[in-house]
């Protein structure tokens, strides 16, 4: 199993940066080195790629979920959430209530778990409550 991922850092290319080995500090000119050919500057023409361990990426995403989520929504749009919100059993059978939420609202799908039956679709909580009340009687 891979433990590292190469992450590409977007940057305007080509670029010229102070040499990290002999850089100019506090107004002093860099002495130069072999990396920058004694100019004190590096000319970058390729994207920076750095190997980062997957665990660190996952930890960052977990710690910054709201920020990451907002950025993903901005870039790719909202992804609807689909989740089972309730499973209930009554004399008429066993049912699962699935909620589908998106930016435009929510709808509910009720599936019968103990028998083959077409799913039922609801677009308001009142319809869903009326259905539940009807099967519970």
Protein backbone atom coordinates (compact mmCIF):
# COMPACT_ATOMS: atom_id res chain seq x y z
CA UNK A 1 0.00 0.00 0.00
CA UNK A 2 1.29 3.46 -0.93
CA UNK A 3 2.11 5.65 2.03
CA UNK A 4 2.84 8.90 0.19
CA UNK A 5 1.16 10.94 -2.51
CA UNK A 6 2.84 13.50 -4.75
CA UNK A 7 1.00 16.80 -4.31
CA UNK A 8 1.43 19.42 -7.03
CA UNK A 9 1.47 23.01 -5.85
CA UNK A 10 0.03 25.40 -8.42
CA UNK A 11 2.25 28.39 -9.14
CA UNK A 12 2.74 30.82 -12.00
CA UNK A 13 5.48 29.48 -14.25
CA UNK A 14 8.16 30.30 -15.19
CA UNK A 15 9.23 31.96 -11.94
CA UNK A 16 12.34 33.44 -10.44
CA UNK A 17 12.87 33.01 -6.68
CA UNK A 18 15.72 33.74 -4.27
CA UNK A 19 17.99 30.74 -3.89
CA UNK A 20 17.04 28.93 -0.64
CA UNK A 21 20.66 27.92 -0.11
CA UNK A 22 22.44 31.27 -0.50
CA UNK A 23 19.47 33.68 -0.55
CA UNK A 24 19.75 37.39 -0.04
CA UNK A 25 19.10 38.22 3.62
CA UNK A 26 18.68 41.67 5.16
CA UNK A 27 19.81 43.48 2.02
CA UNK A 28 23.01 41.43 1.62
CA UNK A 29 23.62 39.89 -1.76
CA UNK A 30 23.78 36.11 -1.83
CA UNK A 31 27.25 34.70 -2.22
CA UNK A 32 26.03 32.21 -4.77
CA UNK A 33 26.28 28.46 -4.93
CA UNK A 34 26.26 25.68 -7.48
CA UNK A 35 22.44 25.28 -7.24
CA UNK A 36 21.83 28.83 -8.55
CA UNK A 37 25.05 29.05 -10.62
CA UNK A 38 26.32 31.83 -8.33
CA UNK A 39 23.47 34.22 -9.25
CA UNK A 40 21.54 34.07 -5.96
CA UNK A 41 18.32 33.29 -7.86
CA UNK A 42 16.66 30.10 -9.10
CA UNK A 43 14.71 29.95 -12.34
CA UNK A 44 11.76 27.59 -11.86
CA UNK A 45 10.17 26.07 -14.97
CA UNK A 46 8.42 22.98 -13.56
CA UNK A 47 5.60 22.51 -11.01
CA UNK A 48 6.62 21.82 -7.44
CA UNK A 49 5.74 18.26 -6.47
CA UNK A 50 6.21 17.15 -2.89
CA UNK A 51 5.53 13.67 -1.46
CA UNK A 52 3.17 13.90 1.52
CA UNK A 53 2.01 10.95 3.62
CA UNK A 54 -1.66 10.03 3.12
CA UNK A 55 -2.27 10.08 6.88
CA UNK A 56 -1.29 13.78 7.02
CA UNK A 57 -3.68 14.62 4.16
CA UNK A 58 -6.53 12.75 5.87
CA UNK A 59 -5.77 14.44 9.20
CA UNK A 60 -5.80 17.87 7.53
CA UNK A 61 -9.14 17.16 5.80
CA UNK A 62 -10.67 15.87 9.06
CA UNK A 63 -9.46 18.93 11.02
CA UNK A 64 -10.62 21.39 8.34
CA UNK A 65 -13.78 19.68 7.06
CA UNK A 66 -15.89 22.85 6.85
CA UNK A 67 -13.25 24.75 4.88
CA UNK A 68 -12.56 21.81 2.56
CA UNK A 69 -16.30 21.28 2.07
CA UNK A 70 -16.85 24.95 1.21
CA UNK A 71 -14.01 24.91 -1.31
CA UNK A 72 -15.29 21.70 -2.93
CA UNK A 73 -18.79 23.17 -3.17
CA UNK A 74 -17.39 26.34 -4.77
CA UNK A 75 -15.37 24.40 -7.31
CA UNK A 76 -17.63 21.42 -8.13
CA UNK A 77 -21.11 22.36 -6.87
CA UNK A 78 -23.19 20.88 -4.11
CA UNK A 79 -23.43 17.10 -3.88
CA UNK A 80 -26.79 15.93 -2.52
CA UNK A 81 -26.70 14.07 0.77
CA UNK A 82 -28.47 10.72 0.92
CA UNK A 83 -28.99 9.14 4.33
CA UNK A 84 -31.32 6.78 6.14
CA UNK A 85 -32.98 8.90 8.81
CA UNK A 86 -35.27 6.27 10.30
CA UNK A 87 -36.23 2.61 10.25
CA UNK A 88 -39.55 1.84 11.88
CA UNK A 89 -41.64 -1.26 12.37
CA UNK A 90 -45.37 -1.50 12.83
CA UNK A 91 -48.18 -4.01 12.29
CA UNK A 92 -48.17 -3.21 8.56
CA UNK A 93 -44.47 -3.98 8.07
CA UNK A 94 -40.96 -2.65 8.42
CA UNK A 95 -40.03 0.59 6.64
CA UNK A 96 -36.87 2.59 5.94
CA UNK A 97 -37.07 6.37 5.45
CA UNK A 98 -34.30 7.79 3.24
CA UNK A 99 -33.81 11.56 3.05
CA UNK A 100 -32.27 13.17 -0.03
CA UNK A 101 -31.08 16.73 0.75
CA UNK A 102 -29.73 19.26 -1.72
CA UNK A 103 -29.48 23.00 -2.09
CA UNK A 104 -33.08 23.14 -3.36
CA UNK A 105 -34.62 21.28 -0.42
CA UNK A 106 -35.31 17.70 0.59
CA UNK A 107 -37.45 14.75 -0.42
CA UNK A 108 -38.03 11.39 1.21
CA UNK A 109 -38.20 7.85 -0.14
CA UNK A 110 -39.86 5.15 1.96
CA UNK A 111 -38.88 1.57 1.21
CA UNK A 112 -40.59 -1.47 2.63
CA UNK A 113 -37.94 -3.80 4.04
CA UNK A 114 -39.94 -6.93 4.82
CA UNK A 115 -41.82 -7.26 1.51
CA UNK A 116 -41.38 -6.36 -2.17
CA UNK A 117 -43.25 -3.16 -2.77
CA UNK A 118 -42.66 -0.04 -4.87
CA UNK A 119 -40.97 2.77 -2.95
CA UNK A 120 -43.07 5.75 -1.96
CA UNK A 121 -41.87 9.31 -2.63
CA UNK A 122 -42.71 12.40 -0.55
CA UNK A 123 -41.82 16.04 -1.13
CA UNK A 124 -43.04 17.48 2.18
CA UNK A 125 -42.77 16.47 5.81
CA UNK A 126 -46.57 16.69 6.10
CA UNK A 127 -46.98 14.00 3.40
CA UNK A 128 -44.40 11.82 5.16
CA UNK A 129 -46.08 12.24 8.58
CA UNK A 130 -49.50 11.46 7.07
CA UNK A 131 -48.08 8.27 5.51
CA UNK A 132 -46.48 7.19 8.80
CA UNK A 133 -49.71 7.90 10.68
CA UNK A 134 -51.65 5.83 8.10
CA UNK A 135 -49.40 2.74 8.34
CA UNK A 136 -49.17 2.92 12.13
CA UNK A 137 -52.96 2.62 12.54
